Protein backbone atom coordinates (compact mmCIF):
# COMPACT_ATOMS: atom_id res chain seq x y z
CA MET A 1 -2.79 14.57 4.89
CA VAL A 2 -3.15 17.88 3.05
CA PRO A 3 -0.12 17.90 0.71
CA THR A 4 2.08 21.01 0.75
CA PRO A 5 5.14 21.81 -1.36
CA ARG A 6 7.35 21.78 1.74
CA THR A 7 6.25 18.35 2.93
CA ARG A 8 6.69 16.91 -0.58
CA LEU A 9 10.18 18.40 -0.87
CA LEU A 10 11.06 17.18 2.60
CA ALA A 11 10.12 13.63 1.68
CA LEU A 12 12.18 13.77 -1.51
CA ALA A 13 15.15 15.33 0.25
CA PHE A 14 15.47 12.38 2.62
CA ALA A 15 15.19 9.79 -0.16
CA PRO A 16 18.95 9.58 -0.90
CA LEU A 17 19.90 9.35 2.79
CA CYS A 18 23.10 7.28 3.04
CA LEU A 19 23.33 5.32 6.25
CA ALA A 20 27.02 4.61 5.82
CA ALA A 21 27.72 8.32 6.19
CA LEU A 22 25.84 8.71 9.44
CA GLY A 23 27.90 9.72 12.44
CA ALA A 24 27.03 10.52 16.02
CA ALA A 25 26.40 14.17 16.93
CA PRO A 26 26.79 15.72 20.38
CA ALA A 27 23.70 16.63 22.38
CA ALA A 28 22.82 20.32 22.51
CA ALA A 29 22.62 22.28 25.75
CA GLN A 30 19.21 23.35 27.04
CA SER A 31 18.50 27.08 27.32
CA ILE A 32 15.83 29.44 25.97
CA ALA A 33 16.58 31.09 22.61
CA VAL A 34 13.23 32.79 21.89
CA VAL A 35 9.87 33.20 23.62
CA VAL A 36 6.82 33.35 21.33
CA ASN A 37 3.56 34.44 22.96
CA GLY A 38 4.83 33.03 26.23
CA GLN A 39 6.00 29.71 24.76
CA PRO A 40 9.77 29.05 24.70
CA ILE A 41 11.91 27.81 21.85
CA LEU A 42 15.03 26.14 23.26
CA THR A 43 18.52 26.46 21.85
CA SER A 44 18.49 22.66 21.52
CA GLU A 45 15.43 22.98 19.25
CA VAL A 46 17.27 25.53 17.11
CA ALA A 47 20.28 23.23 16.85
CA ALA A 48 18.08 20.23 16.02
CA ARG A 49 16.26 22.18 13.29
CA ALA A 50 19.56 23.35 11.81
CA ALA A 51 20.71 19.71 11.74
CA LEU A 52 17.44 18.70 10.07
CA THR A 53 17.85 21.37 7.39
CA LYS A 54 21.43 20.25 6.75
CA LEU A 55 20.46 16.57 6.61
CA SER A 56 17.64 17.23 4.14
CA GLY A 57 19.96 19.23 1.91
CA GLY A 58 17.88 22.38 2.24
CA LYS A 59 19.10 25.96 1.84
CA PRO A 60 16.83 27.99 4.12
CA ALA A 61 15.69 31.40 2.92
CA GLN A 62 15.54 32.58 6.55
CA SER A 63 17.32 31.92 9.82
CA THR A 64 16.54 28.77 11.76
CA GLN A 65 15.18 30.88 14.61
CA ASP A 66 12.82 32.73 12.27
CA GLU A 67 11.64 29.42 10.81
CA LEU A 68 10.88 28.04 14.27
CA ILE A 69 9.10 31.26 15.28
CA GLU A 70 6.82 30.99 12.25
CA GLU A 71 6.25 27.30 12.92
CA LYS A 72 5.32 28.03 16.54
CA LEU A 73 2.83 30.67 15.38
CA LYS A 74 1.35 28.27 12.83
CA MET A 75 0.93 25.58 15.50
CA MET A 76 -0.73 28.03 17.90
CA GLU A 77 -3.16 29.28 15.26
CA ALA A 78 -4.02 25.80 13.98
CA GLN A 79 -4.60 24.64 17.57
CA ARG A 80 -6.81 27.68 18.21
CA TYR A 81 -9.13 26.58 15.41
CA GLY A 82 -8.90 22.85 16.22
CA MET A 83 -7.04 22.09 13.00
CA LEU A 84 -3.97 20.30 14.32
CA PRO A 85 -3.78 16.79 12.81
CA PRO A 86 -4.02 13.70 15.05
CA ASP A 87 -0.82 11.85 15.92
CA SER A 88 -1.86 9.00 13.62
CA GLN A 89 -1.81 11.34 10.60
CA VAL A 90 1.59 12.75 11.55
CA GLU A 91 3.01 9.25 12.10
CA ALA A 92 1.68 8.15 8.71
CA ALA A 93 3.43 11.09 7.03
CA PHE A 94 6.63 10.32 8.98
CA ALA A 95 6.42 6.66 7.91
CA SER A 96 5.95 7.75 4.29
CA ILE A 97 9.21 9.75 4.44
CA ALA A 98 10.97 6.76 6.04
CA GLN A 99 9.65 4.49 3.30
CA ARG A 100 11.27 6.68 0.65
CA THR A 101 14.63 5.98 2.29
CA LYS A 102 13.81 2.25 2.28
CA LEU A 103 13.77 2.17 6.09
CA THR A 104 11.19 1.34 8.71
CA PRO A 105 10.08 4.32 10.83
CA GLU A 106 12.06 2.93 13.78
CA ASN A 107 15.30 2.54 11.79
CA PHE A 108 14.78 5.91 10.12
CA SER A 109 14.41 7.50 13.58
CA LYS A 110 17.68 5.91 14.70
CA ALA A 111 19.42 7.02 11.51
CA ILE A 112 18.52 10.68 11.84
CA GLN A 113 19.23 10.64 15.59
CA GLN A 114 22.81 9.67 14.73
CA ARG A 115 23.02 12.93 12.81
CA GLY A 116 21.78 15.01 15.73
CA VAL A 117 18.13 15.18 14.61
CA ASN A 118 15.50 14.22 17.15
CA PRO A 119 12.65 12.48 15.26
CA GLN A 120 10.21 14.70 17.15
CA THR A 121 11.79 17.71 15.43
CA LEU A 122 10.73 16.34 12.06
CA LYS A 123 7.31 15.31 13.38
CA ASP A 124 6.73 18.80 14.79
CA ARG A 125 7.52 20.27 11.39
CA ILE A 126 5.17 17.84 9.67
CA LYS A 127 2.41 18.56 12.21
CA ALA A 128 2.74 22.32 11.74
CA GLU A 129 2.70 22.06 7.95
CA ILE A 130 -0.36 19.80 7.86
CA GLY A 131 -2.29 21.84 10.42
CA TRP A 132 -1.46 25.15 8.76
CA ALA A 133 -2.39 23.88 5.29
CA GLN A 134 -5.73 22.59 6.61
CA LEU A 135 -6.37 25.91 8.36
CA ILE A 136 -5.64 27.96 5.23
CA ARG A 137 -7.84 25.70 3.13
CA ARG A 138 -10.71 25.92 5.64
CA LYS A 139 -10.36 29.67 6.25
CA TYR A 140 -10.08 30.74 2.60
CA ALA A 141 -11.86 27.90 0.82
CA ALA A 142 -14.56 30.23 -0.51
CA GLN A 143 -12.00 32.66 -1.89
CA LEU A 144 -9.36 30.34 -3.32
CA ALA A 145 -9.61 30.20 -7.08
CA GLN A 146 -13.41 29.83 -7.22
CA LYS A 147 -13.66 30.15 -10.99
CA SER A 148 -10.63 27.96 -11.60
CA VAL A 149 -11.87 25.28 -9.21
CA ALA A 150 -15.30 25.31 -10.82
CA MET A 151 -13.68 24.94 -14.23
CA ALA A 152 -11.45 22.10 -13.05
CA MET A 153 -14.42 20.28 -11.56
CA THR A 154 -16.57 20.64 -14.70
CA THR A 155 -13.77 19.68 -17.09
CA GLY A 156 -12.66 16.55 -15.25
CA GLY A 157 -9.91 18.28 -13.26
CA GLY A 158 -10.72 16.16 -10.24
CA SER A 159 -12.46 12.98 -9.20
CA ASN A 160 -15.23 12.73 -6.63
CA LYS A 161 -14.36 9.11 -5.87
CA ALA A 162 -13.19 8.49 -2.32
CA THR A 163 -12.96 5.64 0.16
CA GLN A 164 -15.03 5.66 3.33
CA TYR A 165 -13.55 3.88 6.35
CA THR A 166 -15.09 2.73 9.60
CA LEU A 167 -12.26 2.75 12.13
CA ARG A 168 -11.55 1.95 15.78
CA GLN A 169 -8.46 3.03 17.66
CA VAL A 170 -6.72 0.56 19.98
CA ILE A 171 -4.20 2.05 22.41
CA PHE A 172 -1.65 0.18 24.50
CA VAL A 173 -1.27 2.82 27.18
CA VAL A 174 2.26 3.83 28.25
CA PRO A 175 2.29 5.67 31.61
CA LYS A 176 3.80 9.13 31.76
CA GLY A 177 7.42 8.96 32.80
CA ALA A 178 7.84 5.36 31.64
CA SER A 179 11.38 4.33 30.78
CA ASP A 180 12.46 3.41 27.25
CA ALA A 181 12.58 -0.23 28.31
CA GLN A 182 8.99 -0.07 29.59
CA ALA A 183 7.81 1.67 26.42
CA ASN A 184 9.56 -0.93 24.25
CA GLN A 185 7.98 -3.71 26.28
CA ARG A 186 4.53 -2.22 25.64
CA ARG A 187 5.33 -2.03 21.94
CA SER A 188 6.25 -5.72 21.93
CA GLU A 189 2.96 -6.49 23.66
CA ALA A 190 1.07 -4.47 21.04
CA ILE A 191 2.82 -6.27 18.19
CA GLY A 192 2.07 -9.65 19.75
CA ALA A 193 -1.58 -8.80 20.36
CA ARG A 194 -1.99 -7.41 16.83
CA GLY A 195 -1.82 -10.91 15.37
CA ARG A 196 -4.55 -12.10 17.76
CA PHE A 197 -6.97 -9.24 17.13
CA PRO A 198 -10.42 -10.80 16.59
CA GLY A 199 -11.86 -7.98 14.48
CA CYS A 200 -13.92 -4.91 15.30
CA ASP A 201 -16.92 -6.78 16.72
CA GLY A 202 -14.76 -8.36 19.40
CA ALA A 203 -12.52 -5.33 19.95
CA VAL A 204 -13.98 -4.29 23.30
CA GLN A 205 -13.68 -7.78 24.78
CA PHE A 206 -10.19 -8.03 23.30
CA GLY A 207 -9.09 -4.83 25.06
CA ALA A 208 -10.75 -5.76 28.34
CA ALA A 209 -8.75 -8.98 28.52
CA LEU A 210 -5.44 -7.12 28.27
CA ARG A 211 -3.60 -4.83 30.67
CA ASP A 212 -4.11 -1.09 30.18
CA VAL A 213 -5.57 -1.25 26.69
CA ALA A 214 -8.15 1.29 25.54
CA VAL A 215 -10.53 0.68 22.62
CA LYS A 216 -12.21 3.79 21.21
CA GLU A 217 -15.69 4.00 19.71
CA PRO A 218 -15.97 3.47 15.93
CA VAL A 219 -15.63 6.55 13.72
CA ILE A 220 -16.37 7.03 10.01
CA ARG A 221 -13.90 9.00 7.90
CA SER A 222 -13.37 9.50 4.17
CA SER A 223 -9.99 9.39 2.45
CA ALA A 224 -10.39 13.11 1.69
CA GLN A 225 -10.66 13.83 5.40
CA ILE A 226 -7.71 11.78 6.64
CA GLY A 227 -5.26 12.47 3.82
CA LYS A 228 -3.37 10.33 1.33
CA ASP A 229 -0.66 9.02 3.65
CA LEU A 230 -2.97 7.62 6.30
CA ALA A 231 -5.44 6.37 3.68
CA GLY A 232 -2.58 4.56 1.94
CA SER A 233 -1.62 2.86 5.19
CA LEU A 234 -5.22 1.83 5.90
CA ASP A 235 -5.63 0.38 2.40
CA LYS A 236 -2.80 -2.07 3.14
CA VAL A 237 -4.63 -3.47 6.18
CA LYS A 238 -7.10 -6.31 5.69
CA LEU A 239 -10.64 -5.77 6.93
CA GLY A 240 -10.80 -6.49 10.66
CA GLY A 241 -7.04 -6.04 11.00
CA LEU A 242 -4.87 -3.48 12.77
CA THR A 243 -2.23 -1.07 11.52
CA GLU A 244 1.28 -1.34 12.93
CA PRO A 245 1.69 0.35 16.34
CA GLN A 246 2.73 4.00 16.23
CA ARG A 247 3.80 6.00 19.27
CA GLY A 248 1.26 8.65 20.27
CA ASP A 249 0.57 10.85 23.28
CA GLN A 250 -1.10 8.04 25.25
CA GLY A 251 1.04 5.11 24.17
CA TRP A 252 1.28 2.72 21.23
CA GLU A 253 -1.69 3.35 18.96
CA MET A 254 -3.13 1.04 16.31
CA ILE A 255 -6.13 1.57 14.04
CA ALA A 256 -8.58 -1.22 13.26
CA VAL A 257 -10.15 -1.12 9.79
CA CYS A 258 -13.72 -2.25 10.40
CA ALA A 259 -15.22 -1.42 6.99
CA ARG A 260 -14.09 0.12 3.73
CA LYS A 261 -16.17 1.14 0.73
CA GLU A 262 -16.04 3.43 -2.28
CA ILE A 263 -18.22 6.54 -2.14
CA ALA A 264 -18.86 9.72 -4.10
CA ASP A 265 -17.41 12.63 -2.14
CA ASP A 266 -17.40 16.15 -3.57
CA ASP A 267 -14.84 17.15 -0.92
CA ALA A 268 -12.35 14.86 -2.65
CA MET A 269 -13.01 16.59 -5.97
CA ARG A 270 -12.66 20.02 -4.43
CA THR A 271 -9.43 19.01 -2.72
CA ASN A 272 -7.97 17.69 -5.99
CA ALA A 273 -9.05 20.81 -7.85
CA LEU A 274 -7.60 23.12 -5.23
CA GLU A 275 -4.30 21.23 -5.37
CA GLN A 276 -4.19 21.63 -9.15
CA VAL A 277 -5.15 25.28 -9.59
CA GLY A 278 -5.18 26.99 -6.20
CA SER A 279 -1.63 26.52 -4.89
CA LYS A 280 -0.34 29.99 -5.84
CA GLU A 281 -3.35 31.75 -4.37
CA ALA A 282 -3.17 29.55 -1.27
CA GLU A 283 0.50 30.46 -0.81
CA ALA A 284 -0.36 34.16 -1.10
CA LYS A 285 -3.16 33.84 1.46
CA SER A 286 -0.88 31.82 3.72
CA LYS A 287 1.82 34.53 3.67
CA GLN A 288 -0.72 37.29 4.23
CA TYR A 289 -2.28 35.48 7.19
CA LEU A 290 1.10 34.58 8.71
CA ASP A 291 2.22 38.22 8.43
CA GLN A 292 -0.93 39.27 10.29
CA ILE A 293 -0.45 36.92 13.25
CA LYS A 294 3.27 37.66 13.35
CA ALA A 295 2.55 41.39 13.57
CA ARG A 296 0.45 40.95 16.71
CA ALA A 297 2.63 38.28 18.31
CA VAL A 298 4.89 38.96 21.30
CA ILE A 299 8.33 37.66 20.34
CA VAL A 300 11.27 38.00 22.73
CA ARG A 301 14.71 36.90 21.55
CA ARG A 302 17.22 36.01 24.27
């Protein structure tokens, strides 16, 4: 994950979450509050985001509607350039926040739901922040603090050490429209099968012997590419093992760690250097770019 100040602060804000204080909140009504480039933002989304801000102890510098409008624009632009993070990266970031509250992702989801916050609201925010940060870094990489980055790299401001992973995704498919009970049953099946996983060489045969299980082709990724949160989760998995199931678009997704080795990766050094010396310039570029796309956006408030 590309770290941003907002995602770091969000994680810290949830750390002192007190479960004893959690109380049920009423469901919000569904109607359209704003339309952004033809895509609606519901009043229930506005209410859920307001609850999220309150729960995290934040004091927003802008209205909740304005925050959601900007987030919608960021998501659209990141999607346009193919920079939205995969569900696995978002789930890893969500799990990292849950871990800071000493809860599992499932229990953390239940806890914030009791305060009127749909877990998807938080995941949408995480996804937008990661995608936008990656887009800004890619779009302005050549401009962001070139001299400072070069200095940081030559004076030991960053390390070019990274981990290279060979990975396979295993998906226990959940049909569209499945009930909660059916989805939970598939999760139980995924957890049970996880302990029987024979390793990457036997992954295809493993999937073929089970009902509605897809096994993707192996991919190679470096820790600089997938981000710290997901890399941290993968490092805890033994070679040939699977991560815990996380809910994605297709169902319950697990990642098999087929191989893991240390490599020299200049992208890792550049990323570290940019984090150290380029944050102010990146924030300025981010604001400038957001202002540009906001100026040409069609925004209709209801």
